[in-house]
């Protein structure tokens, strides 16, 4: 019996088949990452922070319990406090990301 010589040469068909398999793996990972981000954004949007949708639901619930709309000054105060909470959250997350990046770069 003759021994098969395998020297690693591939034609267009084999390259296309390999690229197709790689594209399927990459697209599955990309779609799962997009789904994870979408669920995370949806969850964050439902938090009871006044400027987000969850906060709007909470304000409408408070107005229905009260039997009338909240005062304009109260609504403005709620929106500003919600904005401050979101800015604080983003600042903390950005600080954590930057410190982990610096630790990775400089091996601290």
C-alpha atoms as a PDB file:
ATOM      1  CA  UNK A   1       0.000   0.000   0.000  1.00  0.00           C
ATOM      2  CA  UNK A   2       1.157   3.448  -0.836  1.00  0.00           C
ATOM      3  CA  UNK A   3       1.451   5.966   1.928  1.00  0.00           C
ATOM      4  CA  UNK A   4      -0.651   9.134   1.464  1.00  0.00           C
ATOM      5  CA  UNK A   5       1.453  12.265   1.276  1.00  0.00           C
ATOM      6  CA  UNK A   6      -0.092  15.166   3.222  1.00  0.00           C
ATOM      7  CA  UNK A   7       1.780  18.390   2.643  1.00  0.00           C
ATOM      8  CA  UNK A   8      -0.955  20.854   3.634  1.00  0.00           C
ATOM      9  CA  UNK A   9      -1.987  22.186   0.250  1.00  0.00           C
ATOM     10  CA  UNK A  10      -5.628  23.109  -0.111  1.00  0.00           C
ATOM     11  CA  UNK A  11      -7.723  24.249  -3.030  1.00  0.00           C
ATOM     12  CA  UNK A  12     -10.508  26.801  -3.208  1.00  0.00           C
ATOM     13  CA  UNK A  13     -13.159  24.286  -2.150  1.00  0.00           C
ATOM     14  CA  UNK A  14     -11.408  23.401   1.093  1.00  0.00           C
ATOM     15  CA  UNK A  15     -10.628  27.042   1.890  1.00  0.00           C
ATOM     16  CA  UNK A  16     -14.259  27.977   1.252  1.00  0.00           C
ATOM     17  CA  UNK A  17     -15.449  25.166   3.479  1.00  0.00           C
ATOM     18  CA  UNK A  18     -13.114  26.294   6.265  1.00  0.00           C
ATOM     19  CA  UNK A  19     -14.195  29.921   5.905  1.00  0.00           C
ATOM     20  CA  UNK A  20     -17.849  28.903   5.966  1.00  0.00           C
ATOM     21  CA  UNK A  21     -17.347  26.998   9.212  1.00  0.00           C
ATOM     22  CA  UNK A  22     -15.452  29.901  10.724  1.00  0.00           C
ATOM     23  CA  UNK A  23     -18.179  32.337   9.649  1.00  0.00           C
ATOM     24  CA  UNK A  24     -20.815  30.187  11.345  1.00  0.00           C
ATOM     25  CA  UNK A  25     -18.839  30.150  14.596  1.00  0.00           C
ATOM     26  CA  UNK A  26     -18.165  33.888  14.475  1.00  0.00           C
ATOM     27  CA  UNK A  27     -21.754  34.793  13.598  1.00  0.00           C
ATOM     28  CA  UNK A  28     -23.077  32.608  16.445  1.00  0.00           C
ATOM     29  CA  UNK A  29     -20.742  34.363  18.888  1.00  0.00           C
ATOM     30  CA  UNK A  30     -21.668  37.758  17.479  1.00  0.00           C
ATOM     31  CA  UNK A  31     -25.396  37.036  17.718  1.00  0.00           C
ATOM     32  CA  UNK A  32     -25.118  35.727  21.260  1.00  0.00           C
ATOM     33  CA  UNK A  33     -23.144  38.835  22.286  1.00  0.00           C
ATOM     34  CA  UNK A  34     -25.771  41.081  20.655  1.00  0.00           C
ATOM     35  CA  UNK A  35     -28.520  39.206  22.523  1.00  0.00           C
ATOM     36  CA  UNK A  36     -26.670  39.595  25.822  1.00  0.00           C
ATOM     37  CA  UNK A  37     -26.216  43.332  25.276  1.00  0.00           C
ATOM     38  CA  UNK A  38     -29.885  43.725  24.321  1.00  0.00           C
ATOM     39  CA  UNK A  39     -31.084  41.939  27.456  1.00  0.00           C
ATOM     40  CA  UNK A  40     -28.713  43.990  29.617  1.00  0.00           C
ATOM     41  CA  UNK A  41     -29.916  47.290  28.146  1.00  0.00           C
ATOM     42  CA  UNK A  42     -33.542  46.194  28.580  1.00  0.00           C
ATOM     43  CA  UNK A  43     -32.925  45.329  32.220  1.00  0.00           C
ATOM     44  CA  UNK A  44     -31.159  48.636  32.881  1.00  0.00           C
ATOM     45  CA  UNK A  45     -34.021  50.528  31.234  1.00  0.00           C
ATOM     46  CA  UNK A  46     -36.525  49.008  33.669  1.00  0.00           C
ATOM     47  CA  UNK A  47     -34.645  50.124  36.784  1.00  0.00           C
ATOM     48  CA  UNK A  48     -36.732  52.525  38.887  1.00  0.00           C
ATOM     49  CA  UNK A  49     -34.565  55.548  38.093  1.00  0.00           C
ATOM     50  CA  UNK A  50     -36.875  58.473  37.203  1.00  0.00           C
ATOM     51  CA  UNK A  51     -35.312  59.298  33.854  1.00  0.00           C
ATOM     52  CA  UNK A  52     -35.600  55.681  32.587  1.00  0.00           C
ATOM     53  CA  UNK A  53     -38.744  53.750  31.634  1.00  0.00           C
ATOM     54  CA  UNK A  54     -38.900  51.981  34.991  1.00  0.00           C
ATOM     55  CA  UNK A  55     -38.892  55.361  36.694  1.00  0.00           C
ATOM     56  CA  UNK A  56     -41.644  56.611  34.389  1.00  0.00           C
ATOM     57  CA  UNK A  57     -43.753  53.596  35.350  1.00  0.00           C
ATOM     58  CA  UNK A  58     -43.077  54.355  39.005  1.00  0.00           C
ATOM     59  CA  UNK A  59     -44.037  58.035  38.545  1.00  0.00           C
ATOM     60  CA  UNK A  60     -47.261  57.081  36.751  1.00  0.00           C
ATOM     61  CA  UNK A  61     -48.060  54.632  39.559  1.00  0.00           C
ATOM     62  CA  UNK A  62     -47.474  57.378  42.147  1.00  0.00           C
ATOM     63  CA  UNK A  63     -49.687  59.756  40.177  1.00  0.00           C
ATOM     64  CA  UNK A  64     -52.471  57.190  39.945  1.00  0.00           C
ATOM     65  CA  UNK A  65     -52.292  56.570  43.699  1.00  0.00           C
ATOM     66  CA  UNK A  66     -52.296  60.316  44.365  1.00  0.00           C
ATOM     67  CA  UNK A  67     -55.193  60.863  41.961  1.00  0.00           C
ATOM     68  CA  UNK A  68     -53.517  63.694  40.057  1.00  0.00           C
ATOM     69  CA  UNK A  69     -50.255  64.655  38.454  1.00  0.00           C
ATOM     70  CA  UNK A  70     -47.176  65.504  40.442  1.00  0.00           C
ATOM     71  CA  UNK A  71     -46.063  69.106  40.698  1.00  0.00           C
ATOM     72  CA  UNK A  72     -43.715  70.312  37.990  1.00  0.00           C
ATOM     73  CA  UNK A  73     -41.052  71.104  40.552  1.00  0.00           C
ATOM     74  CA  UNK A  74     -41.255  67.529  41.915  1.00  0.00           C
ATOM     75  CA  UNK A  75     -41.009  66.001  38.426  1.00  0.00           C
ATOM     76  CA  UNK A  76     -37.989  68.177  37.576  1.00  0.00           C
ATOM     77  CA  UNK A  77     -36.308  67.220  40.860  1.00  0.00           C
ATOM     78  CA  UNK A  78     -36.966  63.509  40.140  1.00  0.00           C
ATOM     79  CA  UNK A  79     -35.530  63.784  36.627  1.00  0.00           C
ATOM     80  CA  UNK A  80     -32.395  65.573  37.826  1.00  0.00           C
ATOM     81  CA  UNK A  81     -31.863  63.044  40.594  1.00  0.00           C
ATOM     82  CA  UNK A  82     -32.266  60.221  38.065  1.00  0.00           C
ATOM     83  CA  UNK A  83     -29.767  61.861  35.749  1.00  0.00           C
ATOM     84  CA  UNK A  84     -27.328  62.256  38.640  1.00  0.00           C
ATOM     85  CA  UNK A  85     -27.744  58.566  39.531  1.00  0.00           C
ATOM     86  CA  UNK A  86     -27.035  57.496  35.946  1.00  0.00           C
ATOM     87  CA  UNK A  87     -23.997  59.775  35.693  1.00  0.00           C
ATOM     88  CA  UNK A  88     -22.679  58.381  38.977  1.00  0.00           C
ATOM     89  CA  UNK A  89     -23.199  54.811  37.752  1.00  0.00           C
ATOM     90  CA  UNK A  90     -21.422  55.534  34.446  1.00  0.00           C
ATOM     91  CA  UNK A  91     -18.565  57.246  36.281  1.00  0.00           C
ATOM     92  CA  UNK A  92     -18.046  54.261  38.584  1.00  0.00           C
ATOM     93  CA  UNK A  93     -18.144  51.798  35.680  1.00  0.00           C
ATOM     94  CA  UNK A  94     -15.727  53.893  33.606  1.00  0.00           C
ATOM     95  CA  UNK A  95     -13.346  54.218  36.557  1.00  0.00           C
ATOM     96  CA  UNK A  96     -13.389  50.438  37.105  1.00  0.00           C
ATOM     97  CA  UNK A  97     -12.769  49.796  33.397  1.00  0.00           C
ATOM     98  CA  UNK A  98      -9.866  52.236  33.262  1.00  0.00           C
ATOM     99  CA  UNK A  99      -8.208  50.871  36.412  1.00  0.00           C
ATOM    100  CA  UNK A 100      -8.442  47.298  35.104  1.00  0.00           C
ATOM    101  CA  UNK A 101      -7.001  48.444  31.772  1.00  0.00           C
ATOM    102  CA  UNK A 102      -4.084  50.205  33.473  1.00  0.00           C
ATOM    103  CA  UNK A 103      -3.442  47.117  35.630  1.00  0.00           C
ATOM    104  CA  UNK A 104      -3.394  44.904  32.522  1.00  0.00           C
ATOM    105  CA  UNK A 105      -1.101  47.215  30.577  1.00  0.00           C
ATOM    106  CA  UNK A 106       1.426  47.862  33.326  1.00  0.00           C
ATOM    107  CA  UNK A 107       1.072  44.444  35.028  1.00  0.00           C
ATOM    108  CA  UNK A 108       0.265  45.927  38.413  1.00  0.00           C
END
